[in-house]
Amino acid sequence: MRGMRRRKWACRSAPLRLEGDVRWDGCEPVQFRHPHNRRSRGAASALRYTRPMIRQIAPQFFTTEIPATVSYYKDKLGFECLGMWQDPPVYAIVARDQHAIHFRCAAPPTASPDKYADELLDAYFHVEDADALYAEYAAKGVEFTRGLGNMPWHSREFVVKDCDGRLLAFGSNL
């Protein structure tokens, strides 16, 4: 790849950098074309990537009680319900700050007997302010399996046990 000064293949959680005509995205360099580059035909007002971009990922959690689960996520965790389908509901979507979680009516897989002892997380939410969110959840009586604290990986985190026993970690950078 022309214009690349050196290769760094180690995964980093730091912000992406631009080097020459390579955008570092995780572990692999991804080529992009600037809209004012002559080699770009039909230049647009934004960068063009050479592969389709994933904009969001939404976990799908299983539950046997969709209405109760949606109520918990609304009342305790501050999500809003975007919709429930069929009567009785077999599918629902909740969201907070444009990040969605899907729920499907099905028996959850059998959990590991060491799930809580080993803190086997079901989801990790990177948040702007872990302290403020912890205070919000504590005021609503949310059950914590790990209180707010600084972690060796330079994150301030806490872990919630939801109404169906899922472990949800919330953390912000230190």
N, C-alpha and C. Protein backbone atom coordinates (compact mmCIF):
# COMPACT_ATOMS: atom_id res chain seq x y z
N MET A 1 0.83 -1.17 0.00
CA MET A 1 0.00 0.00 0.00
C MET A 1 0.88 1.24 0.00
N ARG A 2 0.70 2.06 -1.01
CA ARG A 2 1.55 3.25 -1.11
C ARG A 2 1.15 4.27 -0.07
N GLY A 3 2.13 5.03 0.37
CA GLY A 3 1.89 6.09 1.33
C GLY A 3 1.89 5.61 2.78
N MET A 4 2.02 4.33 2.99
CA MET A 4 2.02 3.80 4.35
C MET A 4 3.45 3.84 4.88
N ARG A 5 3.65 4.53 5.99
CA ARG A 5 4.99 4.68 6.52
C ARG A 5 5.47 3.41 7.24
N ARG A 6 4.62 2.85 8.03
CA ARG A 6 5.00 1.63 8.74
C ARG A 6 3.73 0.87 9.08
N ARG A 7 3.89 -0.40 9.36
CA ARG A 7 2.73 -1.23 9.66
C ARG A 7 2.64 -1.45 11.16
N LYS A 8 1.43 -1.29 11.66
CA LYS A 8 1.13 -1.62 13.04
C LYS A 8 -0.07 -2.53 12.99
N TRP A 9 0.09 -3.75 13.43
CA TRP A 9 -0.99 -4.72 13.34
C TRP A 9 -1.62 -5.01 14.69
N ALA A 10 -1.08 -4.47 15.75
CA ALA A 10 -1.64 -4.74 17.07
C ALA A 10 -2.99 -4.05 17.22
N CYS A 11 -3.97 -4.75 17.78
CA CYS A 11 -5.28 -4.15 18.01
C CYS A 11 -5.15 -3.08 19.09
N ARG A 12 -5.81 -1.98 18.85
CA ARG A 12 -5.79 -0.87 19.80
C ARG A 12 -7.21 -0.40 20.04
N SER A 13 -7.46 0.09 21.25
CA SER A 13 -8.77 0.66 21.52
C SER A 13 -8.72 2.18 21.40
N ALA A 14 -7.54 2.72 21.09
CA ALA A 14 -7.40 4.16 20.94
C ALA A 14 -8.10 4.63 19.67
N PRO A 15 -8.36 5.93 19.54
CA PRO A 15 -9.01 6.43 18.33
C PRO A 15 -8.22 6.07 17.08
N LEU A 16 -8.93 5.91 15.98
CA LEU A 16 -8.30 5.57 14.70
C LEU A 16 -7.43 6.72 14.22
N ARG A 17 -6.35 6.39 13.51
CA ARG A 17 -5.46 7.40 12.96
C ARG A 17 -5.44 7.29 11.45
N LEU A 18 -5.14 8.39 10.81
CA LEU A 18 -4.95 8.38 9.37
C LEU A 18 -3.47 8.46 9.09
N GLU A 19 -2.99 7.62 8.20
CA GLU A 19 -1.59 7.65 7.78
C GLU A 19 -1.57 7.53 6.27
N GLY A 20 -1.14 8.57 5.60
CA GLY A 20 -1.11 8.52 4.15
C GLY A 20 -2.49 8.26 3.61
N ASP A 21 -2.64 7.21 2.83
CA ASP A 21 -3.96 6.88 2.30
C ASP A 21 -4.51 5.62 2.95
N VAL A 22 -4.15 5.38 4.22
CA VAL A 22 -4.62 4.21 4.93
C VAL A 22 -5.29 4.64 6.22
N ARG A 23 -6.46 4.13 6.46
CA ARG A 23 -7.15 4.35 7.72
C ARG A 23 -6.99 3.09 8.54
N TRP A 24 -6.50 3.21 9.77
CA TRP A 24 -6.30 2.05 10.62
C TRP A 24 -7.60 1.76 11.33
N ASP A 25 -8.15 0.60 11.07
CA ASP A 25 -9.45 0.22 11.60
C ASP A 25 -9.28 -1.11 12.32
N GLY A 26 -9.08 -1.07 13.64
CA GLY A 26 -8.84 -2.30 14.40
C GLY A 26 -7.46 -2.83 14.10
N CYS A 27 -7.37 -4.01 13.50
CA CYS A 27 -6.09 -4.64 13.21
C CYS A 27 -5.67 -4.51 11.75
N GLU A 28 -6.60 -4.21 10.88
CA GLU A 28 -6.30 -4.21 9.45
C GLU A 28 -6.36 -2.80 8.87
N PRO A 29 -5.43 -2.46 7.98
CA PRO A 29 -5.54 -1.16 7.31
C PRO A 29 -6.66 -1.22 6.27
N VAL A 30 -7.40 -0.13 6.16
CA VAL A 30 -8.50 -0.05 5.20
C VAL A 30 -8.25 1.15 4.30
N GLN A 31 -8.23 0.93 3.00
CA GLN A 31 -8.01 2.01 2.05
C GLN A 31 -9.22 2.93 2.01
N PHE A 32 -9.00 4.23 1.85
CA PHE A 32 -10.09 5.14 1.61
C PHE A 32 -9.66 6.16 0.57
N ARG A 33 -10.62 6.79 -0.07
CA ARG A 33 -10.34 7.84 -1.04
C ARG A 33 -10.96 9.13 -0.55
N HIS A 34 -10.19 10.18 -0.53
CA HIS A 34 -10.70 11.49 -0.16
C HIS A 34 -11.52 12.02 -1.33
N PRO A 35 -12.62 12.74 -1.09
CA PRO A 35 -13.48 13.18 -2.18
C PRO A 35 -12.80 14.14 -3.16
N HIS A 36 -11.72 14.81 -2.75
CA HIS A 36 -11.05 15.75 -3.64
C HIS A 36 -9.89 15.11 -4.41
N ASN A 37 -9.68 13.83 -4.19
CA ASN A 37 -8.62 13.11 -4.89
C ASN A 37 -9.05 12.89 -6.34
N ARG A 38 -8.18 13.18 -7.29
CA ARG A 38 -8.52 13.02 -8.71
C ARG A 38 -8.87 11.59 -9.07
N ARG A 39 -8.29 10.64 -8.34
CA ARG A 39 -8.58 9.23 -8.63
C ARG A 39 -10.00 8.85 -8.22
N SER A 40 -10.66 9.68 -7.40
CA SER A 40 -12.04 9.40 -6.99
C SER A 40 -12.98 9.94 -8.05
N ARG A 41 -13.75 9.08 -8.62
CA ARG A 41 -14.72 9.52 -9.62
C ARG A 41 -16.02 9.89 -8.93
N GLY A 42 -16.63 10.96 -9.39
CA GLY A 42 -17.88 11.40 -8.79
C GLY A 42 -17.70 11.74 -7.33
N ALA A 43 -16.73 12.59 -7.02
CA ALA A 43 -16.37 12.88 -5.64
C ALA A 43 -17.59 13.35 -4.84
N ALA A 44 -17.76 12.75 -3.69
CA ALA A 44 -18.86 13.12 -2.80
C ALA A 44 -18.32 14.00 -1.68
N SER A 45 -19.19 14.41 -0.78
CA SER A 45 -18.77 15.31 0.29
C SER A 45 -18.19 14.57 1.48
N ALA A 46 -18.14 13.26 1.45
CA ALA A 46 -17.61 12.49 2.58
C ALA A 46 -16.58 11.49 2.08
N LEU A 47 -15.83 10.92 3.02
CA LEU A 47 -14.85 9.90 2.65
C LEU A 47 -15.56 8.68 2.10
N ARG A 48 -14.91 8.00 1.19
CA ARG A 48 -15.45 6.76 0.63
C ARG A 48 -14.58 5.61 1.10
N TYR A 49 -15.21 4.60 1.63
CA TYR A 49 -14.49 3.45 2.12
C TYR A 49 -14.56 2.34 1.08
N THR A 50 -13.55 1.49 1.07
CA THR A 50 -13.50 0.44 0.06
C THR A 50 -14.25 -0.81 0.49
N ARG A 51 -14.88 -0.79 1.65
CA ARG A 51 -15.71 -1.91 2.07
C ARG A 51 -16.93 -1.35 2.79
N PRO A 52 -18.04 -2.10 2.81
CA PRO A 52 -19.23 -1.62 3.50
C PRO A 52 -18.95 -1.44 4.99
N MET A 53 -19.51 -0.39 5.56
CA MET A 53 -19.27 -0.06 6.96
C MET A 53 -20.42 -0.55 7.84
N ILE A 54 -20.09 -1.20 8.94
CA ILE A 54 -21.10 -1.58 9.93
C ILE A 54 -21.30 -0.37 10.82
N ARG A 55 -22.52 0.08 10.94
CA ARG A 55 -22.83 1.29 11.70
C ARG A 55 -23.27 1.02 13.13
N GLN A 56 -23.86 -0.16 13.37
CA GLN A 56 -24.32 -0.46 14.72
C GLN A 56 -24.53 -1.96 14.84
N ILE A 57 -24.40 -2.46 16.04
CA ILE A 57 -24.71 -3.86 16.31
C ILE A 57 -25.72 -3.88 17.44
N ALA A 58 -26.70 -4.73 17.35
CA ALA A 58 -27.74 -4.82 18.38
C ALA A 58 -27.81 -6.26 18.87
N PRO A 59 -27.58 -6.47 20.14
CA PRO A 59 -27.69 -7.84 20.66
C PRO A 59 -29.15 -8.29 20.67
N GLN A 60 -29.35 -9.59 20.54
CA GLN A 60 -30.68 -10.17 20.65
C GLN A 60 -30.66 -11.08 21.87
N PHE A 61 -31.42 -10.69 22.88
CA PHE A 61 -31.51 -11.46 24.11
C PHE A 61 -32.81 -12.27 24.09
N PHE A 62 -32.75 -13.49 24.65
CA PHE A 62 -33.93 -14.32 24.77
C PHE A 62 -34.57 -14.10 26.13
N THR A 63 -35.89 -14.13 26.15
CA THR A 63 -36.64 -14.00 27.38
C THR A 63 -37.97 -14.73 27.22
N THR A 64 -38.52 -15.20 28.32
CA THR A 64 -39.83 -15.85 28.25
C THR A 64 -40.95 -14.88 28.62
N GLU A 65 -40.60 -13.69 29.09
CA GLU A 65 -41.58 -12.68 29.52
C GLU A 65 -41.25 -11.33 28.88
N ILE A 66 -41.62 -11.15 27.62
CA ILE A 66 -41.28 -9.90 26.92
C ILE A 66 -41.83 -8.65 27.64
N PRO A 67 -43.11 -8.61 28.02
CA PRO A 67 -43.60 -7.39 28.68
C PRO A 67 -42.84 -7.05 29.97
N ALA A 68 -42.54 -8.05 30.79
CA ALA A 68 -41.81 -7.80 32.04
C ALA A 68 -40.39 -7.33 31.75
N THR A 69 -39.74 -7.92 30.76
CA THR A 69 -38.38 -7.52 30.41
C THR A 69 -38.36 -6.09 29.87
N VAL A 70 -39.29 -5.77 28.98
CA VAL A 70 -39.36 -4.41 28.43
C VAL A 70 -39.62 -3.40 29.55
N SER A 71 -40.52 -3.74 30.48
CA SER A 71 -40.80 -2.84 31.62
C SER A 71 -39.55 -2.60 32.46
N TYR A 72 -38.77 -3.67 32.70
CA TYR A 72 -37.53 -3.53 33.48
C TYR A 72 -36.57 -2.58 32.78
N TYR A 73 -36.36 -2.79 31.49
CA TYR A 73 -35.40 -1.97 30.75
C TYR A 73 -35.88 -0.51 30.66
N LYS A 74 -37.19 -0.29 30.61
CA LYS A 74 -37.73 1.08 30.60
C LYS A 74 -37.61 1.72 31.98
N ASP A 75 -38.15 1.04 33.00
CA ASP A 75 -38.25 1.63 34.33
C ASP A 75 -36.94 1.69 35.09
N LYS A 76 -36.12 0.67 34.95
CA LYS A 76 -34.88 0.60 35.72
C LYS A 76 -33.66 1.11 34.97
N LEU A 77 -33.56 0.79 33.66
CA LEU A 77 -32.34 1.12 32.92
C LEU A 77 -32.51 2.32 31.98
N GLY A 78 -33.69 2.91 31.91
CA GLY A 78 -33.89 4.13 31.14
C GLY A 78 -33.98 3.97 29.63
N PHE A 79 -34.31 2.78 29.16
CA PHE A 79 -34.50 2.56 27.73
C PHE A 79 -35.94 2.94 27.37
N GLU A 80 -36.20 3.14 26.09
CA GLU A 80 -37.57 3.34 25.63
C GLU A 80 -37.93 2.18 24.71
N CYS A 81 -39.20 1.83 24.73
CA CYS A 81 -39.67 0.73 23.88
C CYS A 81 -39.93 1.26 22.48
N LEU A 82 -39.28 0.67 21.49
CA LEU A 82 -39.50 1.05 20.10
C LEU A 82 -40.61 0.23 19.46
N GLY A 83 -40.94 -0.91 20.05
CA GLY A 83 -42.03 -1.70 19.52
C GLY A 83 -42.06 -3.10 20.09
N MET A 84 -43.29 -3.66 20.13
CA MET A 84 -43.50 -5.06 20.49
C MET A 84 -44.39 -5.64 19.40
N TRP A 85 -44.12 -6.89 19.02
CA TRP A 85 -44.85 -7.50 17.92
C TRP A 85 -45.62 -8.73 18.37
N GLN A 86 -46.83 -8.84 17.88
CA GLN A 86 -47.81 -9.89 18.10
C GLN A 86 -48.41 -9.80 19.49
N ASP A 87 -49.51 -10.54 19.68
CA ASP A 87 -50.21 -10.54 20.96
C ASP A 87 -50.48 -11.98 21.36
N PRO A 88 -49.85 -12.53 22.38
CA PRO A 88 -48.87 -11.89 23.24
C PRO A 88 -47.56 -11.62 22.50
N PRO A 89 -46.79 -10.65 22.99
CA PRO A 89 -45.57 -10.26 22.28
C PRO A 89 -44.55 -11.39 22.17
N VAL A 90 -43.97 -11.52 20.97
CA VAL A 90 -42.91 -12.50 20.74
C VAL A 90 -41.59 -11.83 20.39
N TYR A 91 -41.62 -10.53 20.18
CA TYR A 91 -40.40 -9.79 19.82
C TYR A 91 -40.57 -8.35 20.27
N ALA A 92 -39.48 -7.74 20.72
CA ALA A 92 -39.52 -6.34 21.14
C ALA A 92 -38.15 -5.71 20.93
N ILE A 93 -38.16 -4.40 20.80
CA ILE A 93 -36.91 -3.64 20.67
C ILE A 93 -36.98 -2.47 21.63
N VAL A 94 -35.92 -2.29 22.42
CA VAL A 94 -35.77 -1.12 23.28
C VAL A 94 -34.50 -0.39 22.86
N ALA A 95 -34.42 0.89 23.17
CA ALA A 95 -33.23 1.67 22.80
C ALA A 95 -32.99 2.77 23.82
N ARG A 96 -31.73 3.12 23.94
CA ARG A 96 -31.31 4.27 24.73
C ARG A 96 -30.15 4.90 23.98
N ASP A 97 -30.22 6.21 23.78
CA ASP A 97 -29.16 6.94 23.07
C ASP A 97 -28.84 6.30 21.72
N GLN A 98 -29.85 5.91 21.00
CA GLN A 98 -29.74 5.35 19.64
C GLN A 98 -29.06 3.98 19.59
N HIS A 99 -28.99 3.29 20.71
CA HIS A 99 -28.44 1.94 20.74
C HIS A 99 -29.55 0.99 21.16
N ALA A 100 -29.80 -0.01 20.32
CA ALA A 100 -30.94 -0.89 20.52
C ALA A 100 -30.55 -2.25 21.07
N ILE A 101 -31.50 -2.84 21.78
CA ILE A 101 -31.42 -4.24 22.21
C ILE A 101 -32.71 -4.90 21.74
N HIS A 102 -32.59 -6.06 21.13
CA HIS A 102 -33.74 -6.81 20.66
C HIS A 102 -34.00 -7.95 21.64
N PHE A 103 -35.28 -8.22 21.88
CA PHE A 103 -35.68 -9.33 22.74
C PHE A 103 -36.57 -10.26 21.95
N ARG A 104 -36.29 -11.54 22.05
CA ARG A 104 -37.08 -12.57 21.38
C ARG A 104 -37.65 -13.50 22.43
N CYS A 105 -38.91 -13.87 22.26
CA CYS A 105 -39.55 -14.77 23.21
C CYS A 105 -39.07 -16.19 22.95
N ALA A 106 -38.21 -16.66 23.81
CA ALA A 106 -37.65 -18.02 23.71
C ALA A 106 -36.96 -18.31 25.03
N ALA A 107 -36.86 -19.57 25.34
CA ALA A 107 -36.13 -19.95 26.56
C ALA A 107 -34.65 -19.65 26.35
N PRO A 108 -34.05 -18.93 27.28
CA PRO A 108 -32.61 -18.65 27.15
C PRO A 108 -31.80 -19.93 27.22
N PRO A 109 -30.62 -19.93 26.60
CA PRO A 109 -29.76 -21.10 26.72
C PRO A 109 -29.37 -21.34 28.18
N THR A 110 -29.04 -22.55 28.49
CA THR A 110 -28.64 -22.87 29.86
C THR A 110 -27.35 -22.12 30.20
N ALA A 111 -27.42 -21.38 31.28
CA ALA A 111 -26.27 -20.58 31.70
C ALA A 111 -25.20 -21.46 32.34
N SER A 112 -23.98 -21.03 32.24
CA SER A 112 -22.88 -21.71 32.90
C SER A 112 -23.12 -21.66 34.41
N PRO A 113 -22.85 -22.74 35.12
CA PRO A 113 -23.02 -22.69 36.58
C PRO A 113 -22.08 -21.68 37.24
N ASP A 114 -21.03 -21.29 36.54
CA ASP A 114 -20.08 -20.33 37.09
C ASP A 114 -20.29 -18.91 36.56
N LYS A 115 -21.44 -18.68 35.92
CA LYS A 115 -21.71 -17.39 35.28
C LYS A 115 -21.43 -16.21 36.21
N TYR A 116 -21.96 -16.26 37.42
CA TYR A 116 -21.84 -15.12 38.33
C TYR A 116 -20.48 -15.10 39.02
N ALA A 117 -19.98 -16.25 39.39
CA ALA A 117 -18.67 -16.30 40.04
C ALA A 117 -17.56 -15.84 39.09
N ASP A 118 -17.68 -16.22 37.82
CA ASP A 118 -16.67 -15.84 36.83
C ASP A 118 -17.01 -14.55 36.10
N GLU A 119 -18.14 -13.95 36.45
CA GLU A 119 -18.62 -12.72 35.81
C GLU A 119 -18.60 -12.84 34.29
N LEU A 120 -19.34 -13.83 33.78
CA LEU A 120 -19.44 -14.05 32.34
C LEU A 120 -20.49 -13.09 31.78
N LEU A 121 -20.02 -11.98 31.22
CA LEU A 121 -20.89 -10.89 30.78
C LEU A 121 -21.72 -11.28 29.56
N ASP A 122 -22.92 -10.72 29.51
CA ASP A 122 -23.78 -10.87 28.34
C ASP A 122 -23.62 -9.68 27.39
N ALA A 123 -23.27 -8.53 27.93
CA ALA A 123 -23.06 -7.34 27.09
C ALA A 123 -22.21 -6.33 27.86
N TYR A 124 -21.48 -5.53 27.10
CA TYR A 124 -20.69 -4.43 27.66
C TYR A 124 -21.12 -3.15 26.97
N PHE A 125 -21.45 -2.14 27.76
CA PHE A 125 -21.88 -0.85 27.25
C PHE A 125 -20.80 0.18 27.57
N HIS A 126 -20.23 0.78 26.55
CA HIS A 126 -19.27 1.86 26.77
C HIS A 126 -20.09 3.13 26.90
N VAL A 127 -19.96 3.80 28.04
CA VAL A 127 -20.79 4.97 28.34
C VAL A 127 -19.92 6.21 28.53
N GLU A 128 -20.55 7.36 28.46
CA GLU A 128 -19.83 8.64 28.61
C GLU A 128 -19.40 8.87 30.05
N ASP A 129 -20.29 8.58 31.03
CA ASP A 129 -20.01 8.90 32.43
C ASP A 129 -20.53 7.76 33.31
N ALA A 130 -19.66 6.85 33.68
CA ALA A 130 -20.07 5.69 34.48
C ALA A 130 -20.57 6.11 35.85
N ASP A 131 -19.98 7.13 36.44
CA ASP A 131 -20.40 7.58 37.77
C ASP A 131 -21.85 8.06 37.77
N ALA A 132 -22.20 8.89 36.78
CA ALA A 132 -23.56 9.42 36.70
C ALA A 132 -24.57 8.30 36.43
N LEU A 133 -24.22 7.37 35.55
CA LEU A 133 -25.13 6.28 35.24
C LEU A 133 -25.30 5.35 36.45
N TYR A 134 -24.22 5.11 37.17
CA TYR A 134 -24.29 4.29 38.39
C TYR A 134 -25.25 4.94 39.40
N ALA A 135 -25.12 6.25 39.58
CA ALA A 135 -26.00 6.96 40.51
C ALA A 135 -27.47 6.87 40.05
N GLU A 136 -27.71 7.00 38.75
CA GLU A 136 -29.06 6.89 38.21
C GLU A 136 -29.64 5.51 38.50
N TYR A 137 -28.87 4.47 38.24
CA TYR A 137 -29.35 3.11 38.45
C TYR A 137 -29.51 2.79 39.93
N ALA A 138 -28.62 3.27 40.78
CA ALA A 138 -28.74 3.03 42.22
C ALA A 138 -30.02 3.66 42.76
N ALA A 139 -30.35 4.85 42.27
CA ALA A 139 -31.58 5.52 42.71
C ALA A 139 -32.83 4.76 42.29
N LYS A 140 -32.74 3.95 41.25
CA LYS A 140 -33.88 3.16 40.77
C LYS A 140 -33.90 1.75 41.34
N GLY A 141 -32.95 1.43 42.21
CA GLY A 141 -32.93 0.12 42.86
C GLY A 141 -32.44 -1.02 41.99
N VAL A 142 -31.59 -0.72 41.01
CA VAL A 142 -31.03 -1.76 40.14
C VAL A 142 -30.10 -2.65 40.96
N GLU A 143 -30.10 -3.96 40.67
CA GLU A 143 -29.21 -4.90 41.37
C GLU A 143 -27.83 -4.89 40.71
N PHE A 144 -26.81 -4.61 41.51
CA PHE A 144 -25.43 -4.60 41.02
C PHE A 144 -24.73 -5.88 41.48
N THR A 145 -23.96 -6.49 40.58
CA THR A 145 -23.13 -7.62 40.99
C THR A 145 -21.69 -7.17 41.22
N ARG A 146 -21.35 -6.02 40.69
CA ARG A 146 -20.05 -5.39 40.97
C ARG A 146 -20.27 -3.89 41.03
N GLY A 147 -19.85 -3.29 42.10
CA GLY A 147 -20.01 -1.85 42.28
C GLY A 147 -19.06 -1.07 41.39
N LEU A 148 -19.25 0.22 41.39
CA LEU A 148 -18.44 1.12 40.58
C LEU A 148 -16.99 1.11 41.05
N GLY A 149 -16.07 0.97 40.10
CA GLY A 149 -14.66 0.96 40.46
C GLY A 149 -13.76 1.10 39.24
N ASN A 150 -12.51 1.48 39.51
CA ASN A 150 -11.51 1.60 38.45
C ASN A 150 -10.91 0.23 38.18
N MET A 151 -10.73 -0.06 36.89
CA MET A 151 -10.22 -1.37 36.48
C MET A 151 -8.79 -1.22 35.95
N PRO A 152 -8.00 -2.30 35.97
CA PRO A 152 -6.61 -2.23 35.50
C PRO A 152 -6.50 -1.86 34.02
N TRP A 153 -7.56 -2.04 33.24
CA TRP A 153 -7.53 -1.73 31.80
C TRP A 153 -7.99 -0.30 31.53
N HIS A 154 -7.84 0.58 32.52
CA HIS A 154 -8.10 2.02 32.39
C HIS A 154 -9.55 2.33 32.07
N SER A 155 -10.43 1.66 32.78
CA SER A 155 -11.86 1.86 32.62
C SER A 155 -12.49 1.95 34.00
N ARG A 156 -13.53 2.75 34.11
CA ARG A 156 -14.32 2.84 35.35
C ARG A 156 -15.64 2.13 35.06
N GLU A 157 -15.92 1.05 35.81
CA GLU A 157 -17.01 0.16 35.45
C GLU A 157 -17.86 -0.26 36.63
N PHE A 158 -19.05 -0.80 36.29
CA PHE A 158 -19.90 -1.51 37.23
C PHE A 158 -20.68 -2.56 36.43
N VAL A 159 -21.24 -3.55 37.14
CA VAL A 159 -21.98 -4.63 36.48
C VAL A 159 -23.37 -4.74 37.12
N VAL A 160 -24.37 -4.85 36.25
CA VAL A 160 -25.77 -4.97 36.64
C VAL A 160 -26.25 -6.39 36.33
N LYS A 161 -27.10 -6.92 37.20
CA LYS A 161 -27.81 -8.17 36.91
C LYS A 161 -29.24 -7.79 36.56
N ASP A 162 -29.66 -8.06 35.32
CA ASP A 162 -31.00 -7.63 34.90
C ASP A 162 -32.08 -8.61 35.38
N CYS A 163 -33.32 -8.34 35.02
CA CYS A 163 -34.46 -9.13 35.50
C CYS A 163 -34.44 -10.58 35.05
N ASP A 164 -33.72 -10.89 33.98
CA ASP A 164 -33.61 -12.26 33.48
C ASP A 164 -32.28 -12.91 33.84
N GLY A 165 -31.47 -12.25 34.69
CA GLY A 165 -30.20 -12.83 35.13
C GLY A 165 -29.01 -12.52 34.23
N ARG A 166 -29.20 -11.68 33.21
CA ARG A 166 -28.07 -11.31 32.34
C ARG A 166 -27.15 -10.36 33.09
N LEU A 167 -25.85 -10.46 32.81
CA LEU A 167 -24.87 -9.56 33.38
C LEU A 167 -24.51 -8.49 32.35
N LEU A 168 -24.76 -7.24 32.69
CA LEU A 168 -24.51 -6.11 31.81
C LEU A 168 -23.46 -5.21 32.46
N ALA A 169 -22.33 -5.05 31.80
CA ALA A 169 -21.28 -4.18 32.32
C ALA A 169 -21.41 -2.81 31.65
N PHE A 170 -21.16 -1.77 32.42
CA PHE A 170 -21.18 -0.39 31.93
C PHE A 170 -19.85 0.23 32.32
N GLY A 171 -19.16 0.86 31.38
CA GLY A 171 -17.87 1.44 31.69
C GLY A 171 -17.53 2.65 30.86
N SER A 172 -16.68 3.49 31.41
CA SER A 172 -16.17 4.65 30.68
C SER A 172 -14.65 4.69 30.84
N ASN A 173 -14.00 5.34 29.90
CA ASN A 173 -12.54 5.46 29.95
C ASN A 173 -12.11 6.34 31.10
N LEU A 174 -10.97 5.98 31.68
CA LEU A 174 -10.39 6.83 32.74
C LEU A 174 -9.57 7.93 32.12
